[in-house]
Amino acid sequence: MEIDKGDHQDQEESSSLTLDWRGRPSNPAKHGGMVPAAFVLVQEGTNTKESPWRLCSVTQVEKVKILVSVIPIFSCTIVFNTILAQLQTFSVQQGRAMDTRLTKSFSIPPASLQSIPYILLIFLVPLYDTFFVPFARKITGHESGISPLRRIGFGLFLATFSMVAAAIMEKKRRDAAVNHNETLSIFWITPQFLIFGLSEMFTAIGLLEFFYKQSLKGMQAFFTAITYCSYSFGFYLSTVLVSLVNKITSTSSSGGWLHYNNLNQDRLDLFYWMLAVLSFFNFLSYVFCSTRYSHAPSSLPQPNSKEINPYSGDDNIP
């Protein structure tokens, strides 16, 4: 019986792959001096096809490593989007309880306040790219002026002050309505939207830039989807927080903070202060995670490079 020389050579290479006490190949020279990132030993003489769940390429391993490494960074943006949920719900309810008249014949719809952060972004993003990035690049030497991780962190820090401004303005509005029977202008609550718009320019755009630079070929669309998952988790967390706050504070003599669905009776300002504290601790958590993030993109294989599978003879895995 004739034996194909190519198959015989593959069997010799496969059988010669042995492991040392650390679980690494003891003879990497036979594989071009490279140590495979992931491998399994196929028993000699078996003709069974290996499961794709047991044998994977270096690119697949690197993709999983990237995904696991960015999960802490991603998780820290959930609270940021929880704050966004307040600006689209309770802050609109604040506007309904205030004087919405711009002129004698025109009133501002309270829901239109949600457009303030995005209108601000239209003007700030070009100014940021035109003036701040070149100036910061001369100081830091970074191509983007500041790194994406620092950009995200600065945005998360600013988001805390958005809730601080919201709490102060709500306390002022409530005292004026309850104690003096006055209705403040809706423009008093615009600072919380302006501050959040500034923080979103750093956090949201910085997160997309971070994901794009850390991902391998084919992962950009996946990380974009993860960004929107942060929005959904943030809004879900907002619902959970409102329910928990109502349940915990309803046992007090004054009733729940958000129990009456009437801002003059509720304590929305205390809820905002709680979110400000939560946002600050979230920022500290982000600082802890970002300083320990070390998955440098320069150490990753290039998207167009070929990776050698030690169990497929001369075949390459793209």
Protein backbone atom coordinates (compact mmCIF):
# COMPACT_ATOMS: atom_id res chain seq x y z
CA MET A 1 0.00 0.00 0.00
CA GLU A 2 1.36 3.40 -0.96
CA ILE A 3 1.44 6.16 1.58
CA ASP A 4 1.17 9.76 0.44
CA LYS A 5 4.37 11.55 1.41
CA GLY A 6 2.51 14.73 2.28
CA ASP A 7 0.21 12.91 4.70
CA HIS A 8 3.16 11.02 6.18
CA GLN A 9 5.01 14.29 6.73
CA ASP A 10 1.96 15.87 8.37
CA GLN A 11 1.64 12.91 10.74
CA GLU A 12 5.29 13.21 11.72
CA GLU A 13 4.91 16.94 12.43
CA SER A 14 1.71 16.37 14.41
CA SER A 15 3.14 13.52 16.45
CA SER A 16 6.35 15.44 17.15
CA LEU A 17 4.48 18.24 18.91
CA THR A 18 5.03 17.62 22.61
CA LEU A 19 4.31 19.75 25.66
CA ASP A 20 6.58 20.80 28.47
CA TRP A 21 5.57 21.23 32.12
CA ARG A 22 4.06 24.66 31.35
CA GLY A 23 1.77 23.29 28.63
CA ARG A 24 3.83 24.87 25.83
CA PRO A 25 5.35 23.12 22.79
CA SER A 26 8.82 21.86 23.65
CA ASN A 27 9.92 22.05 20.00
CA PRO A 28 8.68 25.37 18.56
CA ALA A 29 11.52 25.41 16.02
CA LYS A 30 9.65 22.94 13.84
CA HIS A 31 6.82 25.45 13.55
CA GLY A 32 8.92 28.33 12.28
CA GLY A 33 10.12 29.35 15.74
CA MET A 34 6.56 30.36 16.71
CA VAL A 35 4.54 29.12 19.64
CA PRO A 36 0.89 28.56 18.68
CA ALA A 37 -1.57 30.60 20.72
CA ALA A 38 -4.07 27.75 20.80
CA PHE A 39 -3.67 24.08 19.98
CA VAL A 40 -4.96 20.63 20.81
CA LEU A 41 -3.18 17.33 20.45
CA VAL A 42 -4.80 14.94 18.02
CA GLN A 43 -4.34 11.30 18.95
CA GLU A 44 -2.15 9.54 16.43
CA GLY A 45 -3.89 7.01 14.27
CA THR A 46 -7.41 8.40 14.70
CA ASN A 47 -9.39 9.41 11.65
CA THR A 48 -12.15 11.26 13.49
CA LYS A 49 -12.74 14.85 12.48
CA GLU A 50 -11.90 17.36 15.18
CA SER A 51 -14.72 19.51 16.54
CA PRO A 52 -14.47 23.22 15.59
CA TRP A 53 -15.05 24.02 19.27
CA ARG A 54 -11.73 22.31 20.18
CA LEU A 55 -9.51 23.69 17.43
CA CYS A 56 -9.37 27.42 16.71
CA SER A 57 -7.08 29.88 14.95
CA VAL A 58 -4.90 32.54 16.53
CA THR A 59 -7.27 35.24 15.25
CA GLN A 60 -10.22 33.62 17.02
CA VAL A 61 -8.28 33.48 20.27
CA GLU A 62 -7.25 37.14 19.92
CA LYS A 63 -10.84 38.20 19.24
CA VAL A 64 -12.01 36.52 22.43
CA LYS A 65 -9.16 38.13 24.39
CA ILE A 66 -10.11 41.56 23.03
CA LEU A 67 -13.78 41.03 23.86
CA VAL A 68 -13.04 39.97 27.43
CA SER A 69 -10.61 42.85 27.95
CA VAL A 70 -13.09 45.56 26.88
CA ILE A 71 -16.01 44.29 28.98
CA PRO A 72 -15.00 46.35 32.08
CA ILE A 73 -14.70 49.51 29.95
CA PHE A 74 -18.07 48.81 28.36
CA SER A 75 -19.72 48.15 31.74
CA CYS A 76 -18.69 51.56 33.06
CA THR A 77 -20.71 53.31 30.34
CA ILE A 78 -24.01 51.76 31.47
CA VAL A 79 -24.48 54.25 34.34
CA PHE A 80 -23.68 57.04 31.88
CA ASN A 81 -26.67 55.98 29.78
CA THR A 82 -28.78 55.68 32.92
CA ILE A 83 -28.23 59.42 33.35
CA LEU A 84 -29.27 59.91 29.74
CA ALA A 85 -32.52 58.11 30.57
CA GLN A 86 -33.28 60.70 33.27
CA LEU A 87 -32.85 63.57 30.82
CA GLN A 88 -35.37 61.92 28.52
CA THR A 89 -37.93 61.15 31.23
CA PHE A 90 -37.84 63.04 34.54
CA SER A 91 -36.21 66.15 33.12
CA VAL A 92 -39.00 66.40 30.56
CA GLN A 93 -41.47 66.08 33.43
CA GLN A 94 -39.60 68.92 35.14
CA GLY A 95 -40.12 71.07 32.06
CA ARG A 96 -43.86 70.41 32.11
CA ALA A 97 -44.02 71.80 35.64
CA MET A 98 -42.24 75.03 34.63
CA ASP A 99 -43.07 78.10 32.59
CA THR A 100 -42.57 77.08 28.96
CA ARG A 101 -43.40 80.45 27.39
CA LEU A 102 -40.69 81.85 25.14
CA THR A 103 -42.88 84.74 23.94
CA LYS A 104 -46.48 85.68 24.56
CA SER A 105 -47.61 83.55 21.64
CA PHE A 106 -45.06 80.72 21.61
CA SER A 107 -44.28 78.04 24.19
CA ILE A 108 -41.42 75.56 24.12
CA PRO A 109 -42.48 71.89 24.10
CA PRO A 110 -40.76 70.30 27.13
CA ALA A 111 -39.82 67.22 25.09
CA SER A 112 -37.76 69.41 22.74
CA LEU A 113 -35.21 69.91 25.53
CA GLN A 114 -33.80 66.49 24.62
CA SER A 115 -32.40 68.04 21.44
CA ILE A 116 -30.09 70.40 23.37
CA PRO A 117 -27.19 67.91 23.78
CA TYR A 118 -27.27 66.99 20.09
CA ILE A 119 -27.48 70.60 18.91
CA LEU A 120 -24.49 71.30 21.14
CA LEU A 121 -22.59 68.40 19.54
CA ILE A 122 -23.10 69.90 16.06
CA PHE A 123 -21.05 72.92 17.11
CA LEU A 124 -18.62 71.36 19.59
CA VAL A 125 -17.35 68.39 17.57
CA PRO A 126 -15.92 70.52 14.70
CA LEU A 127 -14.37 72.92 17.23
CA TYR A 128 -12.90 69.98 19.14
CA ASP A 129 -11.31 68.47 16.01
CA THR A 130 -10.13 71.81 14.63
CA PHE A 131 -8.64 73.48 17.69
CA PHE A 132 -8.37 71.14 20.68
CA VAL A 133 -6.93 68.05 18.96
CA PRO A 134 -3.97 69.87 17.28
CA PHE A 135 -3.22 71.74 20.50
CA ALA A 136 -3.36 68.61 22.66
CA ARG A 137 -1.34 66.64 20.10
CA LYS A 138 1.61 69.02 20.57
CA ILE A 139 1.54 68.38 24.32
CA THR A 140 0.76 64.66 24.52
CA GLY A 141 2.12 63.47 21.18
CA HIS A 142 -1.00 61.35 20.72
CA GLU A 143 -2.55 61.38 17.25
CA SER A 144 -6.02 62.04 18.71
CA GLY A 145 -4.84 64.66 21.18
CA ILE A 146 -5.80 62.51 24.13
CA SER A 147 -6.22 58.75 24.21
CA PRO A 148 -9.74 57.28 23.83
CA LEU A 149 -9.62 55.95 27.40
CA ARG A 150 -8.89 59.41 28.83
CA ARG A 151 -11.57 60.89 26.62
CA ILE A 152 -14.13 58.43 27.97
CA GLY A 153 -13.05 59.09 31.54
CA PHE A 154 -13.38 62.86 31.19
CA GLY A 155 -16.89 62.40 29.80
CA LEU A 156 -17.91 60.12 32.67
CA PHE A 157 -16.59 62.70 35.13
CA LEU A 158 -18.63 65.48 33.51
CA ALA A 159 -21.79 63.35 33.58
CA THR A 160 -21.69 63.52 37.38
CA PHE A 161 -22.04 67.31 37.26
CA SER A 162 -25.03 66.97 34.95
CA MET A 163 -26.90 65.26 37.79
CA VAL A 164 -25.55 67.77 40.32
CA ALA A 165 -26.96 70.62 38.22
CA ALA A 166 -30.25 68.75 37.85
CA ALA A 167 -30.53 68.23 41.62
CA ILE A 168 -29.80 71.90 42.41
CA MET A 169 -32.27 73.18 39.83
CA GLU A 170 -35.00 70.77 40.96
CA LYS A 171 -34.58 71.87 44.58
CA LYS A 172 -34.85 75.51 43.47
CA ARG A 173 -37.93 74.78 41.33
CA ARG A 174 -39.68 72.80 44.06
CA ASP A 175 -39.05 75.41 46.76
CA ALA A 176 -40.35 78.17 44.48
CA ALA A 177 -43.50 76.19 43.65
CA VAL A 178 -44.29 74.92 47.17
CA ASN A 179 -43.19 77.83 49.35
CA HIS A 180 -43.75 80.85 47.09
CA ASN A 181 -46.27 79.55 44.55
CA GLU A 182 -43.97 80.62 41.72
CA THR A 183 -43.28 78.90 38.42
CA LEU A 184 -39.72 79.17 37.18
CA SER A 185 -38.81 79.42 33.53
CA ILE A 186 -37.96 76.21 31.72
CA PHE A 187 -34.56 77.65 30.84
CA TRP A 188 -33.41 76.99 34.41
CA ILE A 189 -32.98 73.29 33.62
CA THR A 190 -30.98 73.75 30.41
CA PRO A 191 -27.57 73.51 32.23
CA GLN A 192 -28.07 69.81 32.95
CA PHE A 193 -28.65 69.18 29.23
CA LEU A 194 -25.68 71.32 28.20
CA ILE A 195 -23.30 69.57 30.60
CA PHE A 196 -24.48 66.16 29.47
CA GLY A 197 -24.06 67.15 25.82
CA LEU A 198 -20.46 68.06 26.57
CA SER A 199 -19.88 64.78 28.40
CA GLU A 200 -21.44 62.80 25.56
CA MET A 201 -18.98 64.35 23.10
CA PHE A 202 -16.17 62.76 25.11
CA THR A 203 -17.75 59.50 26.25
CA ALA A 204 -19.85 58.31 23.31
CA ILE A 205 -17.41 59.32 20.58
CA GLY A 206 -14.43 58.20 22.65
CA LEU A 207 -16.01 54.78 23.18
CA LEU A 208 -16.51 54.29 19.44
CA GLU A 209 -12.92 55.36 18.77
CA PHE A 210 -11.65 53.01 21.47
CA PHE A 211 -13.57 50.03 20.10
CA TYR A 212 -12.47 50.74 16.54
CA LYS A 213 -8.79 50.96 17.44
CA GLN A 214 -8.80 47.88 19.67
CA SER A 215 -10.70 45.58 17.31
CA LEU A 216 -9.45 43.24 14.64
CA LYS A 217 -10.80 43.02 11.12
CA GLY A 218 -14.48 42.09 11.18
CA MET A 219 -15.10 43.24 14.77
CA GLN A 220 -15.97 46.90 14.14
CA ALA A 221 -19.64 46.24 13.42
CA PHE A 222 -19.87 43.98 16.46
CA PHE A 223 -18.43 46.63 18.78
CA THR A 224 -20.77 49.25 17.32
CA ALA A 225 -23.66 46.97 18.30
CA ILE A 226 -22.17 46.65 21.80
CA THR A 227 -22.28 50.45 22.09
CA TYR A 228 -26.03 50.40 21.54
CA CYS A 229 -26.32 47.57 24.06
CA SER A 230 -24.92 50.02 26.61
CA TYR A 231 -27.86 52.33 25.86
CA SER A 232 -30.38 49.54 26.42
CA PHE A 233 -28.72 48.35 29.64
CA GLY A 234 -28.60 51.94 30.90
CA PHE A 235 -32.32 52.48 30.36
CA TYR A 236 -33.10 49.13 31.95
CA LEU A 237 -30.98 50.04 34.97
CA SER A 238 -32.93 53.31 35.22
CA THR A 239 -36.18 51.36 35.49
CA VAL A 240 -34.70 49.10 38.16
CA LEU A 241 -33.41 52.07 40.17
CA VAL A 242 -36.76 53.85 40.09
CA SER A 243 -38.53 50.71 41.34
CA LEU A 244 -35.96 50.12 44.09
CA VAL A 245 -36.03 53.74 45.24
CA ASN A 246 -39.82 53.72 45.42
CA LYS A 247 -39.83 50.46 47.34
CA ILE A 248 -37.16 51.50 49.84
CA THR A 249 -38.24 55.11 50.45
CA SER A 250 -41.98 54.39 50.60
CA THR A 251 -41.55 53.07 54.15
CA SER A 252 -40.63 56.54 55.43
CA SER A 253 -43.21 58.90 56.93
CA SER A 254 -42.90 61.36 54.02
CA GLY A 255 -43.62 58.70 51.41
CA GLY A 256 -41.49 57.61 48.49
CA TRP A 257 -39.20 59.93 46.58
CA LEU A 258 -41.04 59.20 43.32
CA HIS A 259 -44.28 57.80 44.70
CA TYR A 260 -46.89 60.48 43.99
CA ASN A 261 -46.12 61.19 40.32
CA ASN A 262 -46.28 64.86 41.29
CA LEU A 263 -42.98 66.73 41.32
CA ASN A 264 -44.17 69.17 43.98
CA GLN A 265 -44.78 66.24 46.35
CA ASP A 266 -42.00 63.92 45.19
CA ARG A 267 -38.32 64.39 46.00
CA LEU A 268 -36.80 64.17 42.53
CA ASP A 269 -33.88 66.28 43.74
CA LEU A 270 -32.83 63.52 46.15
CA PHE A 271 -33.05 60.97 43.35
CA TYR A 272 -30.79 63.17 41.24
CA TRP A 273 -28.29 63.43 44.10
CA MET A 274 -28.28 59.65 44.40
CA LEU A 275 -27.50 59.35 40.67
CA ALA A 276 -24.71 61.92 41.04
CA VAL A 277 -23.10 59.81 43.77
CA LEU A 278 -23.60 56.65 41.70
CA SER A 279 -22.06 58.35 38.68
CA PHE A 280 -19.03 59.45 40.70
CA PHE A 281 -18.39 55.94 42.00
CA ASN A 282 -18.84 54.68 38.46
CA PHE A 283 -16.12 57.12 37.39
CA LEU A 284 -13.79 55.79 40.09
CA SER A 285 -14.52 52.27 38.92
CA TYR A 286 -13.67 53.30 35.38
CA VAL A 287 -10.36 54.81 36.50
CA PHE A 288 -9.52 51.51 38.20
CA CYS A 289 -10.38 49.47 35.09
CA SER A 290 -8.77 51.78 32.53
CA THR A 291 -5.45 51.98 34.37
CA ARG A 292 -5.26 48.19 34.27
CA TYR A 293 -6.22 47.84 30.65
CA SER A 294 -3.13 46.60 28.82
CA HIS A 295 -4.30 44.91 25.62
CA ALA A 296 -2.11 46.95 23.28
CA PRO A 297 -3.31 46.92 19.66
CA SER A 298 0.28 46.81 18.41
CA SER A 299 0.65 43.30 19.83
CA LEU A 300 -2.23 41.95 17.79
CA PRO A 301 -1.78 40.18 14.47
CA GLN A 302 -2.44 42.31 11.41
CA PRO A 303 -5.80 41.76 9.69
CA ASN A 304 -4.15 40.71 6.42
CA SER A 305 -1.49 38.48 7.98
CA LYS A 306 -1.63 34.71 7.57
CA GLU A 307 -1.68 32.48 10.62
CA ILE A 308 -0.26 28.98 10.51
CA ASN A 309 -2.29 26.11 11.91
CA PRO A 310 0.16 23.45 13.15
CA TYR A 311 -2.37 20.67 12.58
CA SER A 312 -3.24 21.31 8.97
CA GLY A 313 0.15 20.67 7.35
CA ASP A 314 0.88 23.43 4.85
CA ASP A 315 -2.64 24.90 4.92
CA ASN A 316 -3.03 28.47 6.16
CA ILE A 317 -5.93 29.91 8.09
CA PRO A 318 -6.80 33.40 6.74
